[in-house]
């Protein structure tokens, strides 16, 4: 939790620094997209952002929303487990855009970090392990619903078609702090997003 607080402080300081140096060349934008995690679960997202040029690069601050349903099959000894996680995320995210020009086109690269609140619905079940909780199909299951703090690491590549439109392939990875019944979770995702600048 202390690590998440440090990242939140870092994002706040970056936002304050940029607000003091913002000028007319900055641009407001909107992103929408969809994708999947490594197991094929569905992911979707959207973002409202403000982008500032920094020489031949740009800096993007945004308020992002993500959602998805992710599944994973695990084995431990003689037991098999199936986990399902549904998440809804609201996060502040900062992306540094390398070789990104607000006035022109071409490819660019993305590296970013964010912090946010996660609404999480989690379920684990096993046909062979009766120790998890309530009886279920000859085995057992456990589940948990609640909220948690988390962090996002974001990497990607994009292409600007003109001053208004760009397409971006991103790999946001969610780091969710665990609750009482589960350990911390790491969920890598892959999304394609369309950006519109105003």
Foldseek 3Di string as FASTA:
>chain_A
DVVLVVVVVVLVVVVVVCVVVDDDVKWWKKKWWWWAFPVRKTKIKMWIWIWDDDVQKIKIKIWMKMWIKDKDWDDDPPWIKIKIKTKIKTKIKMKIWARDDLAFKFKIKIWMKIKTKIWMKMKMWTCDDQPLDDDDNNHDMDIDTDMFIKMKIKIWMKIGPGNFKIKIKMWIWIWTCDDDRDHIDIIIIIMIMMMTID
